[in-house]
C-alpha cells in the first residue's frame, strides 16, 4: 500500500503537516517523534533480550536433562 504513494502525495501530506503545526512547531514535533521511536525501539530490544534469555536458558536446561 505504501508503494502507491507518489511524490505528489508525499508533498501534499508535508504541506498539510506544515499548515497544521506551523514552521515553529515542526522541530518540536520531529524531536518528539524521534524520542518516541527511540523509546519504542529500546523497549522492544530490552523485552526481546529478556524473553530470549529466559526462554533460551530454560529450554537448554530441559534439553540437557532429557538427554542425560
PDB file of N, CA and C in Angstrom:
ATOM      1  N   UNK A   1       0.814  -1.186   0.000  1.00  0.00           N
ATOM      2  CA  UNK A   1       0.000   0.000   0.000  1.00  0.00           C
ATOM      3  C   UNK A   1       0.863   1.258   0.000  1.00  0.00           C
ATOM      4  N   UNK A   2       1.978   1.224   0.704  1.00  0.00           N
ATOM      5  CA  UNK A   2       2.862   2.376   0.716  1.00  0.00           C
ATOM      6  C   UNK A   2       3.569   2.560  -0.613  1.00  0.00           C
ATOM      7  N   UNK A   3       3.600   1.547  -1.424  1.00  0.00           N
ATOM      8  CA  UNK A   3       4.254   1.641  -2.719  1.00  0.00           C
ATOM      9  C   UNK A   3       3.463   2.511  -3.680  1.00  0.00           C
ATOM     10  N   UNK A   4       2.197   2.726  -3.414  1.00  0.00           N
ATOM     11  CA  UNK A   4       1.361   3.514  -4.300  1.00  0.00           C
ATOM     12  C   UNK A   4       1.506   5.013  -4.086  1.00  0.00           C
ATOM     13  N   UNK A   5       2.255   5.426  -3.046  1.00  0.00           N
ATOM     14  CA  UNK A   5       2.446   6.845  -2.811  1.00  0.00           C
ATOM     15  C   UNK A   5       3.435   7.403  -3.813  1.00  0.00           C
ATOM     16  N   UNK A   6       3.052   8.478  -4.492  1.00  0.00           N
ATOM     17  CA  UNK A   6       3.945   9.162  -5.413  1.00  0.00           C
ATOM     18  C   UNK A   6       4.521  10.392  -4.759  1.00  0.00           C
ATOM     19  N   UNK A   7       5.331  11.106  -5.494  1.00  0.00           N
ATOM     20  CA  UNK A   7       5.969  12.303  -4.968  1.00  0.00           C
ATOM     21  C   UNK A   7       4.929  13.376  -4.671  1.00  0.00           C
ATOM     22  N   UNK A   8       3.873  13.446  -5.475  1.00  0.00           N
ATOM     23  CA  UNK A   8       2.852  14.471  -5.251  1.00  0.00           C
ATOM     24  C   UNK A   8       2.047  14.195  -3.993  1.00  0.00           C
ATOM     25  N   UNK A   9       1.762  12.955  -3.705  1.00  0.00           N
ATOM     26  CA  UNK A   9       1.023  12.626  -2.487  1.00  0.00           C
ATOM     27  C   UNK A   9       1.855  12.938  -1.243  1.00  0.00           C
ATOM     28  N   UNK A  10       3.123  12.620  -1.295  1.00  0.00           N
ATOM     29  CA  UNK A  10       4.010  12.905  -0.167  1.00  0.00           C
ATOM     30  C   UNK A  10       4.147  14.416   0.027  1.00  0.00           C
ATOM     31  N   UNK A  11       4.278  15.156  -1.071  1.00  0.00           N
ATOM     32  CA  UNK A  11       4.375  16.608  -0.980  1.00  0.00           C
ATOM     33  C   UNK A  11       3.104  17.203  -0.386  1.00  0.00           C
ATOM     34  N   UNK A  12       1.957  16.688  -0.783  1.00  0.00           N
ATOM     35  CA  UNK A  12       0.690  17.169  -0.252  1.00  0.00           C
ATOM     36  C   UNK A  12       0.586  16.909   1.248  1.00  0.00           C
ATOM     37  N   UNK A  13       1.008  15.745   1.685  1.00  0.00           N
ATOM     38  CA  UNK A  13       0.997  15.420   3.118  1.00  0.00           C
ATOM     39  C   UNK A  13       1.922  16.364   3.879  1.00  0.00           C
ATOM     40  N   UNK A  14       3.096  16.634   3.355  1.00  0.00           N
ATOM     41  CA  UNK A  14       4.035  17.551   4.012  1.00  0.00           C
ATOM     42  C   UNK A  14       3.470  18.963   4.107  1.00  0.00           C
ATOM     43  N   UNK A  15       2.789  19.424   3.055  1.00  0.00           N
ATOM     44  CA  UNK A  15       2.175  20.753   3.087  1.00  0.00           C
ATOM     45  C   UNK A  15       1.074  20.812   4.142  1.00  0.00           C
ATOM     46  N   UNK A  16       0.269  19.771   4.234  1.00  0.00           N
ATOM     47  CA  UNK A  16      -0.798  19.733   5.235  1.00  0.00           C
ATOM     48  C   UNK A  16      -0.209  19.756   6.642  1.00  0.00           C
ATOM     49  N   UNK A  17       0.844  18.986   6.877  1.00  0.00           N
ATOM     50  CA  UNK A  17       1.507  18.974   8.181  1.00  0.00           C
ATOM     51  C   UNK A  17       2.071  20.352   8.493  1.00  0.00           C
ATOM     52  N   UNK A  18       2.661  20.985   7.503  1.00  0.00           N
ATOM     53  CA  UNK A  18       3.211  22.323   7.703  1.00  0.00           C
ATOM     54  C   UNK A  18       2.113  23.316   8.072  1.00  0.00           C
ATOM     55  N   UNK A  19       0.957  23.214   7.423  1.00  0.00           N
ATOM     56  CA  UNK A  19      -0.151  24.107   7.729  1.00  0.00           C
ATOM     57  C   UNK A  19      -0.738  23.835   9.115  1.00  0.00           C
ATOM     58  N   UNK A  20      -0.804  22.567   9.501  1.00  0.00           N
ATOM     59  CA  UNK A  20      -1.385  22.224  10.792  1.00  0.00           C
ATOM     60  C   UNK A  20      -0.498  22.655  11.962  1.00  0.00           C
ATOM     61  N   UNK A  21       0.783  22.379  11.872  1.00  0.00           N
ATOM     62  CA  UNK A  21       1.671  22.618  13.000  1.00  0.00           C
ATOM     63  C   UNK A  21       2.414  23.941  12.909  1.00  0.00           C
ATOM     64  N   UNK A  22       2.593  24.466  11.746  1.00  0.00           N
ATOM     65  CA  UNK A  22       3.335  25.711  11.584  1.00  0.00           C
ATOM     66  C   UNK A  22       4.826  25.463  11.587  1.00  0.00           C
ATOM     67  N   UNK A  23       5.551  26.458  11.108  1.00  0.00           N
ATOM     68  CA  UNK A  23       7.004  26.325  10.977  1.00  0.00           C
ATOM     69  C   UNK A  23       7.672  26.239  12.343  1.00  0.00           C
ATOM     70  N   UNK A  24       7.167  26.943  13.322  1.00  0.00           N
ATOM     71  CA  UNK A  24       7.802  26.985  14.632  1.00  0.00           C
ATOM     72  C   UNK A  24       7.719  25.681  15.394  1.00  0.00           C
ATOM     73  N   UNK A  25       6.652  24.922  15.205  1.00  0.00           N
ATOM     74  CA  UNK A  25       6.468  23.691  15.977  1.00  0.00           C
ATOM     75  C   UNK A  25       7.037  22.459  15.294  1.00  0.00           C
ATOM     76  N   UNK A  26       7.383  22.543  14.032  1.00  0.00           N
ATOM     77  CA  UNK A  26       7.892  21.360  13.328  1.00  0.00           C
ATOM     78  C   UNK A  26       9.132  20.759  13.983  1.00  0.00           C
ATOM     79  N   UNK A  27      10.120  21.560  14.425  1.00  0.00           N
ATOM     80  CA  UNK A  27      11.264  20.943  15.109  1.00  0.00           C
ATOM     81  C   UNK A  27      10.859  20.216  16.385  1.00  0.00           C
ATOM     82  N   UNK A  28       9.908  20.775  17.123  1.00  0.00           N
ATOM     83  CA  UNK A  28       9.444  20.126  18.355  1.00  0.00           C
ATOM     84  C   UNK A  28       8.717  18.826  18.040  1.00  0.00           C
ATOM     85  N   UNK A  29       7.914  18.837  16.994  1.00  0.00           N
ATOM     86  CA  UNK A  29       7.185  17.628  16.595  1.00  0.00           C
ATOM     87  C   UNK A  29       8.171  16.557  16.143  1.00  0.00           C
ATOM     88  N   UNK A  30       9.167  16.947  15.358  1.00  0.00           N
ATOM     89  CA  UNK A  30      10.180  15.994  14.902  1.00  0.00           C
ATOM     90  C   UNK A  30      10.973  15.410  16.051  1.00  0.00           C
ATOM     91  N   UNK A  31      11.336  16.253  17.005  1.00  0.00           N
ATOM     92  CA  UNK A  31      12.092  15.790  18.172  1.00  0.00           C
ATOM     93  C   UNK A  31      11.260  14.813  18.997  1.00  0.00           C
ATOM     94  N   UNK A  32       9.991  15.148  19.198  1.00  0.00           N
ATOM     95  CA  UNK A  32       9.102  14.257  19.951  1.00  0.00           C
ATOM     96  C   UNK A  32       8.918  12.916  19.266  1.00  0.00           C
ATOM     97  N   UNK A  33       8.767  12.949  17.940  1.00  0.00           N
ATOM     98  CA  UNK A  33       8.610  11.700  17.185  1.00  0.00           C
ATOM     99  C   UNK A  33       9.886  10.855  17.278  1.00  0.00           C
ATOM    100  N   UNK A  34      11.037  11.511  17.177  1.00  0.00           N
ATOM    101  CA  UNK A  34      12.309  10.789  17.279  1.00  0.00           C
ATOM    102  C   UNK A  34      12.497  10.148  18.640  1.00  0.00           C
ATOM    103  N   UNK A  35      12.150  10.873  19.690  1.00  0.00           N
ATOM    104  CA  UNK A  35      12.265  10.316  21.038  1.00  0.00           C
ATOM    105  C   UNK A  35      11.303   9.148  21.227  1.00  0.00           C
ATOM    106  N   UNK A  36      10.104   9.273  20.699  1.00  0.00           N
ATOM    107  CA  UNK A  36       9.124   8.194  20.823  1.00  0.00           C
ATOM    108  C   UNK A  36       9.604   6.943  20.095  1.00  0.00           C
ATOM    109  N   UNK A  37      10.162   7.119  18.914  1.00  0.00           N
ATOM    110  CA  UNK A  37      10.670   5.972  18.150  1.00  0.00           C
ATOM    111  C   UNK A  37      11.831   5.318  18.886  1.00  0.00           C
ATOM    112  N   UNK A  38      12.752   6.125  19.432  1.00  0.00           N
ATOM    113  CA  UNK A  38      13.896   5.568  20.172  1.00  0.00           C
ATOM    114  C   UNK A  38      13.446   4.805  21.417  1.00  0.00           C
ATOM    115  N   UNK A  39      12.475   5.345  22.148  1.00  0.00           N
ATOM    116  CA  UNK A  39      11.964   4.647  23.332  1.00  0.00           C
ATOM    117  C   UNK A  39      11.289   3.337  22.940  1.00  0.00           C
ATOM    118  N   UNK A  40      10.547   3.368  21.855  1.00  0.00           N
ATOM    119  CA  UNK A  40       9.879   2.152  21.376  1.00  0.00           C
ATOM    120  C   UNK A  40      10.901   1.083  20.998  1.00  0.00           C
ATOM    121  N   UNK A  41      11.937   1.481  20.263  1.00  0.00           N
ATOM    122  CA  UNK A  41      12.972   0.529  19.856  1.00  0.00           C
ATOM    123  C   UNK A  41      13.699  -0.044  21.070  1.00  0.00           C
ATOM    124  N   UNK A  42      14.028   0.808  22.034  1.00  0.00           N
ATOM    125  CA  UNK A  42      14.743   0.314  23.213  1.00  0.00           C
ATOM    126  C   UNK A  42      13.858  -0.605  24.043  1.00  0.00           C
ATOM    127  N   UNK A  43      12.565  -0.329  24.114  1.00  0.00           N
ATOM    128  CA  UNK A  43      11.650  -1.206  24.847  1.00  0.00           C
ATOM    129  C   UNK A  43      11.552  -2.567  24.170  1.00  0.00           C
ATOM    130  N   UNK A  44      11.518  -2.571  22.858  1.00  0.00           N
ATOM    131  CA  UNK A  44      11.464  -3.838  22.126  1.00  0.00           C
ATOM    132  C   UNK A  44      12.758  -4.616  22.325  1.00  0.00           C
ATOM    133  N   UNK A  45      13.905  -3.926  22.256  1.00  0.00           N
ATOM    134  CA  UNK A  45      15.194  -4.598  22.439  1.00  0.00           C
ATOM    135  C   UNK A  45      15.310  -5.200  23.830  1.00  0.00           C
ATOM    136  N   UNK A  46      14.918  -4.463  24.850  1.00  0.00           N
ATOM    137  CA  UNK A  46      15.007  -4.956  26.221  1.00  0.00           C
ATOM    138  C   UNK A  46      14.074  -6.144  26.407  1.00  0.00           C
ATOM    139  N   UNK A  47      12.860  -6.044  25.898  1.00  0.00           N
ATOM    140  CA  UNK A  47      11.902  -7.135  26.035  1.00  0.00           C
ATOM    141  C   UNK A  47      12.381  -8.359  25.261  1.00  0.00           C
ATOM    142  N   UNK A  48      12.910  -8.148  24.061  1.00  0.00           N
ATOM    143  CA  UNK A  48      13.401  -9.257  23.255  1.00  0.00           C
ATOM    144  C   UNK A  48      14.568  -9.964  23.903  1.00  0.00           C
ATOM    145  N   UNK A  49      15.504  -9.212  24.450  1.00  0.00           N
ATOM    146  CA  UNK A  49      16.658  -9.814  25.114  1.00  0.00           C
ATOM    147  C   UNK A  49      16.235 -10.553  26.365  1.00  0.00           C
ATOM    148  N   UNK A  50      15.282  -9.978  27.093  1.00  0.00           N
ATOM    149  CA  UNK A  50      14.820 -10.600  28.326  1.00  0.00           C
ATOM    150  C   UNK A  50      14.103 -11.911  28.032  1.00  0.00           C
ATOM    151  N   UNK A  51      13.224 -11.916  27.048  1.00  0.00           N
ATOM    152  CA  UNK A  51      12.474 -13.139  26.739  1.00  0.00           C
ATOM    153  C   UNK A  51      13.376 -14.184  26.083  1.00  0.00           C
ATOM    154  N   UNK A  52      14.343 -13.745  25.268  1.00  0.00           N
ATOM    155  CA  UNK A  52      15.264 -14.699  24.651  1.00  0.00           C
ATOM    156  C   UNK A  52      16.129 -15.376  25.698  1.00  0.00           C
ATOM    157  N   UNK A  53      16.622 -14.602  26.644  1.00  0.00           N
ATOM    158  CA  UNK A  53      17.482 -15.188  27.659  1.00  0.00           C
ATOM    159  C   UNK A  53      16.688 -16.085  28.598  1.00  0.00           C
ATOM    160  N   UNK A  54      15.453 -15.698  28.914  1.00  0.00           N
ATOM    161  CA  UNK A  54      14.623 -16.521  29.800  1.00  0.00           C
ATOM    162  C   UNK A  54      14.247 -17.833  29.128  1.00  0.00           C
ATOM    163  N   UNK A  55      13.742 -17.772  27.930  1.00  0.00           N
ATOM    164  CA  UNK A  55      13.298 -18.998  27.259  1.00  0.00           C
ATOM    165  C   UNK A  55      14.482 -19.829  26.798  1.00  0.00           C
ATOM    166  N   UNK A  56      15.563 -19.175  26.391  1.00  0.00           N
ATOM    167  CA  UNK A  56      16.726 -19.916  25.925  1.00  0.00           C
ATOM    168  C   UNK A  56      17.363 -20.729  27.034  1.00  0.00           C
ATOM    169  N   UNK A  57      17.494 -20.154  28.215  1.00  0.00           N
ATOM    170  CA  UNK A  57      18.111 -20.865  29.324  1.00  0.00           C
ATOM    171  C   UNK A  57      17.247 -22.031  29.780  1.00  0.00           C
ATOM    172  N   UNK A  58      15.947 -21.834  29.856  1.00  0.00           N
ATOM    173  CA  UNK A  58      15.053 -22.895  30.313  1.00  0.00           C
ATOM    174  C   UNK A  58      15.028 -24.044  29.325  1.00  0.00           C
ATOM    175  N   UNK A  59      14.995 -23.721  28.035  1.00  0.00           N
ATOM    176  CA  UNK A  59      14.970 -24.767  27.020  1.00  0.00           C
ATOM    177  C   UNK A  59      16.264 -25.560  27.021  1.00  0.00           C
ATOM    178  N   UNK A  60      17.387 -24.853  27.177  1.00  0.00           N
ATOM    179  CA  UNK A  60      18.672 -25.537  27.191  1.00  0.00           C
ATOM    180  C   UNK A  60      18.777 -26.470  28.390  1.00  0.00           C
ATOM    181  N   UNK A  61      18.291 -26.027  29.546  1.00  0.00           N
ATOM    182  CA  UNK A  61      18.350 -26.857  30.745  1.00  0.00           C
ATOM    183  C   UNK A  61      17.466 -28.097  30.585  1.00  0.00           C
ATOM    184  N   UNK A  62      16.297 -27.940  30.014  1.00  0.00           N
ATOM    185  CA  UNK A  62      15.388 -29.069  29.827  1.00  0.00           C
ATOM    186  C   UNK A  62      15.940 -30.061  28.824  1.00  0.00           C
ATOM    187  N   UNK A  63      16.564 -29.572  27.761  1.00  0.00           N
ATOM    188  CA  UNK A  63      17.151 -30.477  26.773  1.00  0.00           C
ATOM    189  C   UNK A  63      18.286 -31.289  27.372  1.00  0.00           C
ATOM    190  N   UNK A  64      19.090 -30.662  28.230  1.00  0.00           N
ATOM    191  CA  UNK A  64      20.206 -31.375  28.870  1.00  0.00           C
ATOM    192  C   UNK A  64      19.679 -32.458  29.819  1.00  0.00           C
ATOM    193  N   UNK A  65      18.609 -32.134  30.535  1.00  0.00           N
ATOM    194  CA  UNK A  65      18.069 -33.085  31.490  1.00  0.00           C
ATOM    195  C   UNK A  65      17.440 -34.292  30.768  1.00  0.00           C
ATOM    196  N   UNK A  66      16.812 -34.066  29.625  1.00  0.00           N
ATOM    197  CA  UNK A  66      16.172 -35.150  28.882  1.00  0.00           C
ATOM    198  C   UNK A  66      17.220 -36.073  28.268  1.00  0.00           C
ATOM    199  N   UNK A  67      18.326 -35.483  27.780  1.00  0.00           N
ATOM    200  CA  UNK A  67      19.317 -36.309  27.117  1.00  0.00           C
ATOM    201  C   UNK A  67      20.190 -37.064  28.095  1.00  0.00           C
ATOM    202  N   UNK A  68      20.258 -36.672  29.345  1.00  0.00           N
ATOM    203  CA  UNK A  68      21.129 -37.335  30.334  1.00  0.00           C
ATOM    204  C   UNK A  68      20.500 -38.573  30.905  1.00  0.00           C
TER     205      UNK A  68
END
